[in-house]
Amino acid sequence: MTGKSPKLLSGGNPQIPKGYGDAPVQAYIAAMPGWKRAVGERIDALIEKAVPGAEKAVKWNSPFYGMEKDIWFVSFHCFDKYIKVSFFRGGSLDPVPPVASKVADTRYYHIHEDDFDEVQFADWVKQASTLPGEKM
């Protein structure tokens, strides 16, 4: 990357080039605006703790985590007022994350400023990592 800051897309989502591994994910997190950066750091740390060795990538300007390359169980994306966490097999989690998707089994967890249930999130991540991932 050059010395320029990444462009922020609609909702303040960082525009980060597609890439595999920790470096592009950390670049995305570093470019997250305001309070979202600290939450992005927590999301990444909680995933690393819950699922040591999880694969990482940035695709479609969002960090993805999986058990093998191109098979993902969770992703997140910045919006104006929240961070949307996507659990690709969220319909199989207990309890089911609160926000439904148009995609049958995908469920969302919206994290707002000062409203992040880290214990529940870590539990969902552990559960999601044991389910078949989504190929993308």
Protein backbone atom coordinates (compact mmCIF):
# COMPACT_ATOMS: atom_id res chain seq x y z
CA MET A 1 0.00 0.00 0.00
CA THR A 2 1.05 3.56 -0.52
CA GLY A 3 1.27 6.10 2.28
CA LYS A 4 -2.26 7.32 1.50
CA SER A 5 -5.13 6.56 3.84
CA PRO A 6 -7.71 4.20 2.40
CA LYS A 7 -10.81 5.78 0.92
CA LEU A 8 -13.95 5.45 3.04
CA LEU A 9 -16.93 4.21 1.07
CA SER A 10 -20.58 4.80 1.96
CA GLY A 11 -21.25 4.29 5.64
CA GLY A 12 -17.57 4.83 6.42
CA ASN A 13 -16.56 1.38 5.21
CA PRO A 14 -12.83 1.30 4.33
CA GLN A 15 -11.89 0.47 0.74
CA ILE A 16 -9.12 -2.10 1.14
CA PRO A 17 -7.71 -4.16 -1.75
CA LYS A 18 -8.63 -7.84 -1.78
CA GLY A 19 -6.00 -9.93 -0.03
CA TYR A 20 -5.40 -13.00 2.10
CA GLY A 21 -3.85 -13.18 5.55
CA ASP A 22 -3.66 -10.93 8.57
CA ALA A 23 -2.10 -7.86 6.88
CA PRO A 24 -5.13 -6.80 4.80
CA VAL A 25 -7.45 -7.42 7.75
CA GLN A 26 -5.27 -5.25 9.97
CA ALA A 27 -5.20 -2.55 7.25
CA TYR A 28 -9.01 -2.63 7.15
CA ILE A 29 -9.27 -2.35 10.95
CA ALA A 30 -6.74 0.50 11.06
CA ALA A 31 -8.86 2.41 8.52
CA MET A 32 -12.17 1.92 10.37
CA PRO A 33 -13.49 5.37 11.40
CA GLY A 34 -14.03 6.58 14.96
CA TRP A 35 -15.28 4.18 17.62
CA LYS A 36 -15.53 1.38 15.04
CA ARG A 37 -11.74 0.91 14.97
CA ALA A 38 -11.57 -0.16 18.62
CA VAL A 39 -14.53 -2.50 18.11
CA GLY A 40 -12.88 -3.93 14.98
CA GLU A 41 -9.76 -4.64 17.03
CA ARG A 42 -11.91 -6.43 19.63
CA ILE A 43 -13.76 -8.44 16.96
CA ASP A 44 -10.45 -9.60 15.48
CA ALA A 45 -8.95 -10.42 18.89
CA LEU A 46 -12.05 -12.34 20.00
CA ILE A 47 -12.07 -14.37 16.79
CA GLU A 48 -8.35 -15.14 17.13
CA LYS A 49 -8.87 -16.25 20.75
CA ALA A 50 -11.98 -18.33 19.99
CA VAL A 51 -10.58 -19.91 16.80
CA PRO A 52 -6.76 -19.91 16.87
CA GLY A 53 -5.33 -20.14 13.38
CA ALA A 54 -8.50 -19.02 11.58
CA GLU A 55 -7.90 -18.02 7.97
CA LYS A 56 -8.33 -14.32 7.23
CA ALA A 57 -8.95 -12.26 4.11
CA VAL A 58 -10.43 -9.02 2.88
CA LYS A 59 -12.96 -9.45 0.08
CA TRP A 60 -15.56 -6.95 -1.11
CA ASN A 61 -14.11 -4.40 1.34
CA SER A 62 -14.91 -6.61 4.36
CA PRO A 63 -12.77 -8.86 6.58
CA PHE A 64 -13.65 -12.57 6.36
CA TYR A 65 -12.68 -15.40 8.72
CA GLY A 66 -12.78 -19.12 7.98
CA MET A 67 -11.40 -22.53 8.69
CA GLU A 68 -9.85 -22.89 5.23
CA LYS A 69 -9.11 -20.56 2.33
CA ASP A 70 -12.28 -19.27 0.64
CA ILE A 71 -14.60 -21.10 3.08
CA TRP A 72 -15.86 -18.47 5.55
CA PHE A 73 -17.98 -18.53 8.71
CA VAL A 74 -18.08 -14.82 9.65
CA SER A 75 -17.45 -11.38 8.18
CA PHE A 76 -18.03 -7.76 9.18
CA HIS A 77 -18.68 -4.46 7.44
CA CYS A 78 -18.97 -0.80 8.56
CA PHE A 79 -22.17 1.19 8.23
CA ASP A 80 -22.88 4.74 9.41
CA LYS A 81 -24.24 3.86 12.84
CA TYR A 82 -23.13 0.24 13.37
CA ILE A 83 -20.90 -2.64 12.36
CA LYS A 84 -22.76 -5.49 10.67
CA VAL A 85 -21.40 -8.93 11.56
CA SER A 86 -22.53 -11.67 9.16
CA PHE A 87 -22.70 -15.25 10.38
CA PHE A 88 -23.10 -17.30 7.20
CA ARG A 89 -24.69 -20.26 9.03
CA GLY A 90 -26.25 -18.06 11.70
CA GLY A 91 -29.59 -19.82 11.56
CA SER A 92 -27.85 -22.81 13.16
CA LEU A 93 -26.42 -20.84 16.10
CA ASP A 94 -27.90 -20.94 19.60
CA PRO A 95 -29.30 -18.44 20.27
CA VAL A 96 -29.83 -17.32 16.69
CA PRO A 97 -28.33 -13.84 16.03
CA PRO A 98 -31.12 -11.26 16.05
CA VAL A 99 -31.21 -9.88 12.49
CA ALA A 100 -32.52 -11.97 9.60
CA SER A 101 -31.09 -11.90 6.09
CA LYS A 102 -32.59 -12.46 2.66
CA VAL A 103 -30.17 -15.40 2.44
CA ALA A 104 -31.81 -18.38 4.16
CA ASP A 105 -29.25 -19.34 6.83
CA THR A 106 -27.32 -16.05 7.16
CA ARG A 107 -27.99 -14.00 10.29
CA TYR A 108 -26.60 -10.63 11.34
CA TYR A 109 -25.46 -9.09 14.59
CA HIS A 110 -25.38 -5.28 14.55
CA ILE A 111 -22.85 -3.73 16.91
CA HIS A 112 -23.61 -0.14 17.90
CA GLU A 113 -21.32 2.19 19.82
CA ASP A 114 -21.13 1.08 23.48
CA ASP A 115 -23.33 -1.95 22.76
CA PHE A 116 -21.15 -5.00 22.06
CA ASP A 117 -21.89 -8.26 23.88
CA GLU A 118 -18.40 -9.76 23.63
CA VAL A 119 -19.32 -12.93 25.56
CA GLN A 120 -22.23 -13.75 23.23
CA PHE A 121 -20.17 -12.80 20.17
CA ALA A 122 -17.30 -15.12 21.18
CA ASP A 123 -19.77 -17.95 21.76
CA TRP A 124 -21.32 -17.43 18.30
CA VAL A 125 -17.84 -17.41 16.73
CA LYS A 126 -16.92 -20.72 18.40
CA GLN A 127 -20.19 -22.29 17.25
CA ALA A 128 -19.92 -20.87 13.72
CA SER A 129 -16.37 -22.17 13.29
CA THR A 130 -17.61 -25.76 13.73
CA LEU A 131 -20.30 -25.47 11.03
CA PRO A 132 -19.77 -25.84 7.29
CA GLY A 133 -18.55 -22.52 5.93
CA GLU A 134 -19.74 -20.52 2.96
CA LYS A 135 -17.61 -20.69 -0.19
CA MET A 136 -16.89 -17.22 -1.54
